[in-house]
Amino acid sequence: MTTALITGATAGIGAAFARRLATDGHNLVLVARDTKRLQEQATELHDLHGIEAEVLTADLSTEAGIASVEARLADRRHPVDLLVNNAGFGNKGRFLEVSMADELTMLKVHCEAVLRLTAAAAAGMKERGRGGVVNVASVAAFVPRGTYGASKAWVVQFTQGAAKDLAGSGVRLMALCPGFVRTEFHERAGMGTDNIPGWMWLDADKLVAAAMGDLARGKTVSVPDPRYKALMGAVKLAPRGLLGGISSKTGRKYRPQ
C-alpha cells in the first residue's frame, strides 16, 4: 500500500483529500496543529477504510513544525508516495492593515513550508523513480490581489518550474488552483461570505476528485472546475491595469467582516 502525507488535513480540502485517498486504499500521514482532531480523524478513516493513519502534530508557521514534517518525508524506511501541501490561511484586511508579523507568517506557511516539504519529499521520490506532489494554490494566484494572491502565485510558478526540472524522473508535481470552497478558511480569517454568489462555491470532494484526475493525466496546473476555467481564460485576456482595478473592487465587495 502506498502512503500519502497531507498537511492541513483536518478540515476543508485537506480533509477531502484524506477521505478520497483513504477510500482508494492509501495509508495516510495526517498533519495539522490540533492533535485531538487529528486523532479523531485518523480513527474514523482507519475504521471506515481499514487503512493505517499516522498522526503528526505540526505548526508549519514555526521552524520546529516544518522540520518535523521534513524529517518524516525524508524517512526512507517509511516512504511517502504522495505529498499534499494543503496547509494555508487568509489574513483579514488589506495591505498595511495586516501586521507585518502576520504577513511573514503567511509567507512561511505558503512559500517556505511548501518549498522545503516539496524538496524533502521529491528527493526520495526521485530515488525510487515514482511519486507525486500536489501543492494547493488558488485562482487568486492569477490576479493581483495582496500577499495571499502573491504567495499562491509563487506556489504555481515554483511547482511548474520544479515539475520541468524533474521531468522524466517519475515524480509528478501539480499546483491545484481552486476557487471558493466551503471550508473553515473564511471563518478562521473572520471573512464574511454572504455576498459571494452561490455559483462560485465548489464542493471539496468533487474538487479533489477532479484534481486527482488531473494529476494522473500529468497536468502541472489544475483549475478543477469549468466555471473557474472560463474565468481564468478571461483573466488571461484582460489588461493587467484593468484586472488590478477589478480585483481591488472585488476584494472590497467580498471584504472581511
C-alpha atoms as a PDB file:
ATOM      1  CA  MET A   1       0.000   0.000   0.000  1.00  0.00           C
ATOM      2  CA  THR A   2       1.202   3.497  -0.799  1.00  0.00           C
ATOM      3  CA  THR A   3       1.336   6.329   1.735  1.00  0.00           C
ATOM      4  CA  ALA A   4       0.164   9.923   1.335  1.00  0.00           C
ATOM      5  CA  LEU A   5       1.067  12.813   3.647  1.00  0.00           C
ATOM      6  CA  ILE A   6      -1.418  15.682   3.843  1.00  0.00           C
ATOM      7  CA  THR A   7      -0.830  19.000   5.606  1.00  0.00           C
ATOM      8  CA  GLY A   8      -3.826  20.904   6.900  1.00  0.00           C
ATOM      9  CA  ALA A   9      -5.575  17.557   6.951  1.00  0.00           C
ATOM     10  CA  THR A  10      -8.355  18.085   9.486  1.00  0.00           C
ATOM     11  CA  ALA A  11     -10.679  20.368   7.512  1.00  0.00           C
ATOM     12  CA  GLY A  12     -11.719  21.543   4.087  1.00  0.00           C
ATOM     13  CA  ILE A  13      -9.686  20.490   1.072  1.00  0.00           C
ATOM     14  CA  GLY A  14      -7.166  18.628   3.232  1.00  0.00           C
ATOM     15  CA  ALA A  15      -9.891  16.524   4.840  1.00  0.00           C
ATOM     16  CA  ALA A  16     -11.396  15.853   1.398  1.00  0.00           C
ATOM     17  CA  PHE A  17      -8.015  14.593   0.176  1.00  0.00           C
ATOM     18  CA  ALA A  18      -7.783  12.356   3.248  1.00  0.00           C
ATOM     19  CA  ARG A  19     -11.233  10.876   2.597  1.00  0.00           C
ATOM     20  CA  ARG A  20     -10.538  10.271  -1.081  1.00  0.00           C
ATOM     21  CA  LEU A  21      -7.108   8.731  -0.564  1.00  0.00           C
ATOM     22  CA  ALA A  22      -8.313   6.519   2.293  1.00  0.00           C
ATOM     23  CA  THR A  23     -11.205   5.344   0.118  1.00  0.00           C
ATOM     24  CA  ASP A  24      -8.672   4.465  -2.593  1.00  0.00           C
ATOM     25  CA  GLY A  25      -6.687   2.382  -0.092  1.00  0.00           C
ATOM     26  CA  HIS A  26      -3.753   4.663   0.666  1.00  0.00           C
ATOM     27  CA  ASN A  27      -2.211   4.780   4.117  1.00  0.00           C
ATOM     28  CA  LEU A  28      -2.043   8.316   5.465  1.00  0.00           C
ATOM     29  CA  VAL A  29       0.139  10.670   7.452  1.00  0.00           C
ATOM     30  CA  LEU A  30      -2.183  13.406   8.699  1.00  0.00           C
ATOM     31  CA  VAL A  31      -0.551  16.727   9.599  1.00  0.00           C
ATOM     32  CA  ALA A  32      -2.181  19.656  11.410  1.00  0.00           C
ATOM     33  CA  ARG A  33      -1.902  21.666  14.610  1.00  0.00           C
ATOM     34  CA  ASP A  34      -4.806  20.130  16.549  1.00  0.00           C
ATOM     35  CA  THR A  35      -3.802  16.741  17.965  1.00  0.00           C
ATOM     36  CA  LYS A  36      -7.294  15.840  19.182  1.00  0.00           C
ATOM     37  CA  ARG A  37      -8.894  16.451  15.784  1.00  0.00           C
ATOM     38  CA  LEU A  38      -6.093  14.543  14.067  1.00  0.00           C
ATOM     39  CA  GLN A  39      -6.571  11.537  16.319  1.00  0.00           C
ATOM     40  CA  GLU A  40     -10.349  11.530  15.785  1.00  0.00           C
ATOM     41  CA  GLN A  41      -9.865  11.795  12.023  1.00  0.00           C
ATOM     42  CA  ALA A  42      -7.264   9.030  11.968  1.00  0.00           C
ATOM     43  CA  THR A  43      -9.517   6.684  13.957  1.00  0.00           C
ATOM     44  CA  GLU A  44     -12.511   7.370  11.720  1.00  0.00           C
ATOM     45  CA  LEU A  45     -10.586   6.787   8.476  1.00  0.00           C
ATOM     46  CA  HIS A  46      -8.986   3.616   9.832  1.00  0.00           C
ATOM     47  CA  ASP A  47     -12.334   2.223  10.961  1.00  0.00           C
ATOM     48  CA  LEU A  48     -14.104   3.099   7.705  1.00  0.00           C
ATOM     49  CA  HIS A  49     -11.450   2.041   5.213  1.00  0.00           C
ATOM     50  CA  GLY A  50      -9.032  -0.292   7.010  1.00  0.00           C
ATOM     51  CA  ILE A  51      -6.023   1.892   6.237  1.00  0.00           C
ATOM     52  CA  GLU A  52      -3.258   2.980   8.600  1.00  0.00           C
ATOM     53  CA  ALA A  53      -3.470   6.653   9.553  1.00  0.00           C
ATOM     54  CA  GLU A  54      -0.474   8.192  11.297  1.00  0.00           C
ATOM     55  CA  VAL A  55      -0.829  11.465  13.209  1.00  0.00           C
ATOM     56  CA  LEU A  56       1.821  14.192  13.099  1.00  0.00           C
ATOM     57  CA  THR A  57       1.092  17.370  15.038  1.00  0.00           C
ATOM     58  CA  ALA A  58       2.977  20.282  13.495  1.00  0.00           C
ATOM     59  CA  ASP A  59       2.580  24.037  13.142  1.00  0.00           C
ATOM     60  CA  LEU A  60       4.036  24.975   9.762  1.00  0.00           C
ATOM     61  CA  SER A  61       4.396  28.608  10.784  1.00  0.00           C
ATOM     62  CA  THR A  62       7.299  27.516  13.019  1.00  0.00           C
ATOM     63  CA  GLU A  63      10.756  26.163  12.285  1.00  0.00           C
ATOM     64  CA  ALA A  64      10.157  23.154  14.525  1.00  0.00           C
ATOM     65  CA  GLY A  65       6.916  22.330  12.759  1.00  0.00           C
ATOM     66  CA  ILE A  66       8.398  22.434   9.273  1.00  0.00           C
ATOM     67  CA  ALA A  67      11.457  20.468  10.388  1.00  0.00           C
ATOM     68  CA  SER A  68       9.331  17.685  11.926  1.00  0.00           C
ATOM     69  CA  VAL A  69       7.415  17.160   8.668  1.00  0.00           C
ATOM     70  CA  GLU A  70      10.650  17.347   6.654  1.00  0.00           C
ATOM     71  CA  ALA A  71      12.062  14.571   8.824  1.00  0.00           C
ATOM     72  CA  ARG A  72       9.019  12.373   8.231  1.00  0.00           C
ATOM     73  CA  LEU A  73       9.199  12.908   4.480  1.00  0.00           C
ATOM     74  CA  ALA A  74      12.912  12.070   4.493  1.00  0.00           C
ATOM     75  CA  ASP A  75      12.376   8.737   6.289  1.00  0.00           C
ATOM     76  CA  ARG A  76      13.443   6.183   3.666  1.00  0.00           C
ATOM     77  CA  ARG A  77      12.199   3.263   5.814  1.00  0.00           C
ATOM     78  CA  HIS A  78       8.618   4.545   5.625  1.00  0.00           C
ATOM     79  CA  PRO A  79       8.440   6.344   2.298  1.00  0.00           C
ATOM     80  CA  VAL A  80       5.746   8.833   1.338  1.00  0.00           C
ATOM     81  CA  ASP A  81       4.464   8.341  -2.200  1.00  0.00           C
ATOM     82  CA  LEU A  82       2.184  11.381  -2.414  1.00  0.00           C
ATOM     83  CA  LEU A  83       2.563  14.732  -0.657  1.00  0.00           C
ATOM     84  CA  VAL A  84      -0.346  17.164  -0.496  1.00  0.00           C
ATOM     85  CA  ASN A  85       0.818  20.604   0.659  1.00  0.00           C
ATOM     86  CA  ASN A  86      -2.562  21.990   1.664  1.00  0.00           C
ATOM     87  CA  ALA A  87      -1.954  23.975   4.874  1.00  0.00           C
ATOM     88  CA  GLY A  88      -2.771  27.646   4.493  1.00  0.00           C
ATOM     89  CA  PHE A  89      -4.808  30.576   5.791  1.00  0.00           C
ATOM     90  CA  GLY A  90      -6.030  34.070   4.961  1.00  0.00           C
ATOM     91  CA  ASN A  91      -5.440  37.383   6.724  1.00  0.00           C
ATOM     92  CA  LYS A  92      -8.241  39.832   7.460  1.00  0.00           C
ATOM     93  CA  GLY A  93      -7.588  43.255   5.970  1.00  0.00           C
ATOM     94  CA  ARG A  94      -5.819  44.996   3.115  1.00  0.00           C
ATOM     95  CA  PHE A  95      -2.112  45.657   2.757  1.00  0.00           C
ATOM     96  CA  LEU A  96      -0.824  47.823   5.652  1.00  0.00           C
ATOM     97  CA  GLU A  97      -3.906  46.861   7.688  1.00  0.00           C
ATOM     98  CA  VAL A  98      -2.365  43.446   8.371  1.00  0.00           C
ATOM     99  CA  SER A  99       0.614  43.296  10.731  1.00  0.00           C
ATOM    100  CA  MET A 100       3.993  42.534   9.221  1.00  0.00           C
ATOM    101  CA  ALA A 101       4.295  39.553  11.562  1.00  0.00           C
ATOM    102  CA  ASP A 102       1.111  38.059  10.075  1.00  0.00           C
ATOM    103  CA  GLU A 103       2.273  38.775   6.527  1.00  0.00           C
ATOM    104  CA  LEU A 104       5.578  36.989   7.190  1.00  0.00           C
ATOM    105  CA  THR A 105       3.791  34.058   8.818  1.00  0.00           C
ATOM    106  CA  MET A 106       1.733  33.660   5.650  1.00  0.00           C
ATOM    107  CA  LEU A 107       4.873  33.574   3.535  1.00  0.00           C
ATOM    108  CA  LYS A 108       6.400  30.981   5.845  1.00  0.00           C
ATOM    109  CA  VAL A 109       3.382  28.662   5.583  1.00  0.00           C
ATOM    110  CA  HIS A 110       2.523  29.235   1.923  1.00  0.00           C
ATOM    111  CA  CYS A 111       6.035  29.507   0.495  1.00  0.00           C
ATOM    112  CA  GLU A 112       8.847  28.334   2.784  1.00  0.00           C
ATOM    113  CA  ALA A 113       6.992  25.272   4.055  1.00  0.00           C
ATOM    114  CA  VAL A 114       5.893  24.317   0.527  1.00  0.00           C
ATOM    115  CA  LEU A 115       9.446  24.693  -0.781  1.00  0.00           C
ATOM    116  CA  ARG A 116      11.049  22.671   1.986  1.00  0.00           C
ATOM    117  CA  LEU A 117       8.449  19.905   2.160  1.00  0.00           C
ATOM    118  CA  THR A 118       8.385  19.507  -1.615  1.00  0.00           C
ATOM    119  CA  ALA A 119      12.165  19.195  -1.635  1.00  0.00           C
ATOM    120  CA  ALA A 120      12.169  16.690   1.226  1.00  0.00           C
ATOM    121  CA  ALA A 121       9.533  14.527  -0.476  1.00  0.00           C
ATOM    122  CA  ALA A 122      10.809  14.806  -4.037  1.00  0.00           C
ATOM    123  CA  ALA A 123      14.342  13.718  -3.134  1.00  0.00           C
ATOM    124  CA  GLY A 124      13.185  10.279  -2.012  1.00  0.00           C
ATOM    125  CA  MET A 125      10.627  10.016  -4.802  1.00  0.00           C
ATOM    126  CA  LYS A 126      13.306  10.696  -7.392  1.00  0.00           C
ATOM    127  CA  GLU A 127      15.477   7.928  -5.929  1.00  0.00           C
ATOM    128  CA  ARG A 128      12.555   5.487  -6.155  1.00  0.00           C
ATOM    129  CA  GLY A 129      11.544   6.707  -9.597  1.00  0.00           C
ATOM    130  CA  ARG A 130       7.956   7.453  -8.647  1.00  0.00           C
ATOM    131  CA  GLY A 131       5.818   9.774  -6.569  1.00  0.00           C
ATOM    132  CA  GLY A 132       3.641  12.849  -6.652  1.00  0.00           C
ATOM    133  CA  VAL A 133       3.314  16.273  -5.033  1.00  0.00           C
ATOM    134  CA  VAL A 134       0.159  18.382  -5.052  1.00  0.00           C
ATOM    135  CA  ASN A 135       0.707  21.965  -3.916  1.00  0.00           C
ATOM    136  CA  VAL A 136      -2.611  23.650  -3.163  1.00  0.00           C
ATOM    137  CA  ALA A 137      -2.592  27.188  -4.546  1.00  0.00           C
ATOM    138  CA  SER A 138      -5.649  29.218  -5.597  1.00  0.00           C
ATOM    139  CA  VAL A 139      -7.183  31.032  -8.545  1.00  0.00           C
ATOM    140  CA  ALA A 140      -6.076  34.102  -6.565  1.00  0.00           C
ATOM    141  CA  ALA A 141      -2.629  33.298  -7.970  1.00  0.00           C
ATOM    142  CA  PHE A 142      -3.721  34.699 -11.329  1.00  0.00           C
ATOM    143  CA  VAL A 143      -4.927  38.133 -10.188  1.00  0.00           C
ATOM    144  CA  PRO A 144      -3.030  40.972  -8.458  1.00  0.00           C
ATOM    145  CA  ARG A 145      -4.525  40.815  -5.015  1.00  0.00           C
ATOM    146  CA  GLY A 146      -2.250  41.253  -1.982  1.00  0.00           C
ATOM    147  CA  THR A 147       0.065  38.906  -0.152  1.00  0.00           C
ATOM    148  CA  TYR A 148      -2.309  35.939  -0.325  1.00  0.00           C
ATOM    149  CA  GLY A 149      -2.514  36.052  -4.117  1.00  0.00           C
ATOM    150  CA  ALA A 150       1.201  36.723  -4.411  1.00  0.00           C
ATOM    151  CA  SER A 151       2.074  33.754  -2.218  1.00  0.00           C
ATOM    152  CA  LYS A 152      -0.184  31.477  -4.237  1.00  0.00           C
ATOM    153  CA  ALA A 153       1.335  32.802  -7.484  1.00  0.00           C
ATOM    154  CA  TRP A 154       4.697  31.742  -6.081  1.00  0.00           C
ATOM    155  CA  VAL A 155       3.313  28.258  -5.406  1.00  0.00           C
ATOM    156  CA  VAL A 156       2.160  27.949  -9.025  1.00  0.00           C
ATOM    157  CA  GLN A 157       5.415  29.207 -10.525  1.00  0.00           C
ATOM    158  CA  PHE A 158       7.559  27.119  -8.184  1.00  0.00           C
ATOM    159  CA  THR A 159       5.573  23.969  -8.893  1.00  0.00           C
ATOM    160  CA  GLN A 160       5.718  24.443 -12.652  1.00  0.00           C
ATOM    161  CA  GLY A 161       9.466  25.050 -12.526  1.00  0.00           C
ATOM    162  CA  ALA A 162      10.143  22.065 -10.280  1.00  0.00           C
ATOM    163  CA  ALA A 163       7.951  19.851 -12.479  1.00  0.00           C
ATOM    164  CA  LYS A 164      10.019  20.836 -15.504  1.00  0.00           C
ATOM    165  CA  ASP A 165      13.284  20.143 -13.684  1.00  0.00           C
ATOM    166  CA  LEU A 166      12.044  16.699 -12.575  1.00  0.00           C
ATOM    167  CA  ALA A 167      10.517  15.719 -15.914  1.00  0.00           C
ATOM    168  CA  GLY A 168      11.334  12.099 -16.761  1.00  0.00           C
ATOM    169  CA  SER A 169      12.194  11.213 -13.147  1.00  0.00           C
ATOM    170  CA  GLY A 170       8.852   9.595 -12.372  1.00  0.00           C
ATOM    171  CA  VAL A 171       7.957  12.412  -9.941  1.00  0.00           C
ATOM    172  CA  ARG A 172       4.803  14.366 -10.781  1.00  0.00           C
ATOM    173  CA  LEU A 173       4.206  17.840  -9.410  1.00  0.00           C
ATOM    174  CA  MET A 174       0.969  19.792  -9.735  1.00  0.00           C
ATOM    175  CA  ALA A 175      -0.342  23.111  -8.453  1.00  0.00           C
ATOM    176  CA  LEU A 176      -4.039  22.873  -7.576  1.00  0.00           C
ATOM    177  CA  CYS A 177      -5.893  26.166  -8.037  1.00  0.00           C
ATOM    178  CA  PRO A 178      -9.425  26.068  -6.609  1.00  0.00           C
ATOM    179  CA  GLY A 179     -11.844  28.961  -6.294  1.00  0.00           C
ATOM    180  CA  PHE A 180     -14.200  29.458  -3.354  1.00  0.00           C
ATOM    181  CA  VAL A 181     -14.639  26.202  -1.435  1.00  0.00           C
ATOM    182  CA  ARG A 182     -16.903  25.740   1.573  1.00  0.00           C
ATOM    183  CA  THR A 183     -14.350  25.121   4.309  1.00  0.00           C
ATOM    184  CA  GLU A 184     -13.304  26.719   7.604  1.00  0.00           C
ATOM    185  CA  PHE A 185     -10.933  29.053   5.715  1.00  0.00           C
ATOM    186  CA  HIS A 186     -13.083  32.192   5.666  1.00  0.00           C
ATOM    187  CA  GLU A 187     -14.468  31.706   9.163  1.00  0.00           C
ATOM    188  CA  ARG A 188     -10.987  31.383  10.638  1.00  0.00           C
ATOM    189  CA  ALA A 189      -9.905  34.594   8.905  1.00  0.00           C
ATOM    190  CA  GLY A 190     -13.021  36.443  10.077  1.00  0.00           C
ATOM    191  CA  MET A 191     -14.165  36.965   6.486  1.00  0.00           C
ATOM    192  CA  GLY A 192     -17.804  37.370   5.549  1.00  0.00           C
ATOM    193  CA  THR A 193     -19.061  35.238   2.665  1.00  0.00           C
ATOM    194  CA  ASP A 194     -22.729  36.276   2.388  1.00  0.00           C
ATOM    195  CA  ASN A 195     -22.098  38.364  -0.725  1.00  0.00           C
ATOM    196  CA  ILE A 196     -20.352  35.613  -2.690  1.00  0.00           C
ATOM    197  CA  PRO A 197     -22.698  34.262  -5.411  1.00  0.00           C
ATOM    198  CA  GLY A 198     -23.782  30.670  -4.927  1.00  0.00           C
ATOM    199  CA  TRP A 199     -22.456  29.568  -8.318  1.00  0.00           C
ATOM    200  CA  MET A 200     -18.892  30.445  -7.248  1.00  0.00           C
ATOM    201  CA  TRP A 201     -18.805  27.861  -4.447  1.00  0.00           C
ATOM    202  CA  LEU A 202     -17.158  24.481  -5.081  1.00  0.00           C
ATOM    203  CA  ASP A 203     -17.634  21.166  -3.294  1.00  0.00           C
ATOM    204  CA  ALA A 204     -14.384  19.978  -1.704  1.00  0.00           C
ATOM    205  CA  ASP A 205     -14.887  16.281  -2.521  1.00  0.00           C
ATOM    206  CA  LYS A 206     -15.680  16.958  -6.180  1.00  0.00           C
ATOM    207  CA  LEU A 207     -12.708  19.315  -6.368  1.00  0.00           C
ATOM    208  CA  VAL A 208     -10.365  16.618  -5.049  1.00  0.00           C
ATOM    209  CA  ALA A 209     -11.749  14.036  -7.473  1.00  0.00           C
ATOM    210  CA  ALA A 210     -11.041  16.389 -10.384  1.00  0.00           C
ATOM    211  CA  ALA A 211      -7.588  17.194  -9.010  1.00  0.00           C
ATOM    212  CA  MET A 212      -6.621  13.529  -8.740  1.00  0.00           C
ATOM    213  CA  GLY A 213      -7.708  13.035 -12.330  1.00  0.00           C
ATOM    214  CA  ASP A 214      -5.557  15.960 -13.459  1.00  0.00           C
ATOM    215  CA  LEU A 215      -2.567  14.605 -11.527  1.00  0.00           C
ATOM    216  CA  ALA A 216      -2.981  11.200 -13.198  1.00  0.00           C
ATOM    217  CA  ARG A 217      -3.042  12.949 -16.587  1.00  0.00           C
ATOM    218  CA  GLY A 218       0.253  14.691 -15.833  1.00  0.00           C
ATOM    219  CA  LYS A 219      -1.048  18.253 -15.570  1.00  0.00           C
ATOM    220  CA  THR A 220       1.220  20.706 -13.748  1.00  0.00           C
ATOM    221  CA  VAL A 221      -1.576  23.226 -13.057  1.00  0.00           C
ATOM    222  CA  SER A 222      -5.127  22.166 -12.220  1.00  0.00           C
ATOM    223  CA  VAL A 223      -8.118  24.531 -12.203  1.00  0.00           C
ATOM    224  CA  PRO A 224     -10.670  21.830 -11.391  1.00  0.00           C
ATOM    225  CA  ASP A 225     -13.973  23.316 -12.468  1.00  0.00           C
ATOM    226  CA  PRO A 226     -15.374  24.543 -15.821  1.00  0.00           C
ATOM    227  CA  ARG A 227     -16.688  27.766 -14.252  1.00  0.00           C
ATOM    228  CA  TYR A 228     -13.280  28.780 -12.981  1.00  0.00           C
ATOM    229  CA  LYS A 229     -11.538  27.586 -16.144  1.00  0.00           C
ATOM    230  CA  ALA A 230     -13.716  30.063 -18.047  1.00  0.00           C
ATOM    231  CA  LEU A 231     -12.989  32.846 -15.559  1.00  0.00           C
ATOM    232  CA  MET A 232      -9.253  32.229 -15.718  1.00  0.00           C
ATOM    233  CA  GLY A 233      -9.417  32.239 -19.512  1.00  0.00           C
ATOM    234  CA  ALA A 234     -10.967  35.719 -19.326  1.00  0.00           C
ATOM    235  CA  VAL A 235      -8.322  36.794 -16.813  1.00  0.00           C
ATOM    236  CA  LYS A 236      -5.544  35.895 -19.252  1.00  0.00           C
ATOM    237  CA  LEU A 237      -7.061  38.201 -21.883  1.00  0.00           C
ATOM    238  CA  ALA A 238      -7.706  41.172 -19.597  1.00  0.00           C
ATOM    239  CA  PRO A 239      -5.171  44.062 -19.406  1.00  0.00           C
ATOM    240  CA  ARG A 240      -3.212  43.977 -16.162  1.00  0.00           C
ATOM    241  CA  GLY A 241      -4.244  47.500 -15.189  1.00  0.00           C
ATOM    242  CA  LEU A 242      -7.932  46.718 -15.655  1.00  0.00           C
ATOM    243  CA  LEU A 243      -7.507  43.410 -13.867  1.00  0.00           C
ATOM    244  CA  GLY A 244      -5.941  45.135 -10.876  1.00  0.00           C
ATOM    245  CA  GLY A 245      -8.907  47.503 -10.606  1.00  0.00           C
ATOM    246  CA  ILE A 246     -11.447  44.680 -10.862  1.00  0.00           C
ATOM    247  CA  SER A 247      -9.538  42.651  -8.291  1.00  0.00           C
ATOM    248  CA  SER A 248      -9.477  45.580  -5.864  1.00  0.00           C
ATOM    249  CA  LYS A 249     -13.224  46.225  -6.257  1.00  0.00           C
ATOM    250  CA  THR A 250     -13.974  42.527  -5.841  1.00  0.00           C
ATOM    251  CA  GLY A 251     -11.868  42.455  -2.690  1.00  0.00           C
ATOM    252  CA  ARG A 252     -13.923  45.319  -1.269  1.00  0.00           C
ATOM    253  CA  LYS A 253     -17.225  43.671  -2.255  1.00  0.00           C
ATOM    254  CA  TYR A 254     -16.263  40.332  -0.678  1.00  0.00           C
ATOM    255  CA  ARG A 255     -14.345  42.045   2.090  1.00  0.00           C
ATOM    256  CA  PRO A 256     -13.559  40.531   5.513  1.00  0.00           C
ATOM    257  CA  GLN A 257     -16.346  41.180   8.008  1.00  0.00           C
END
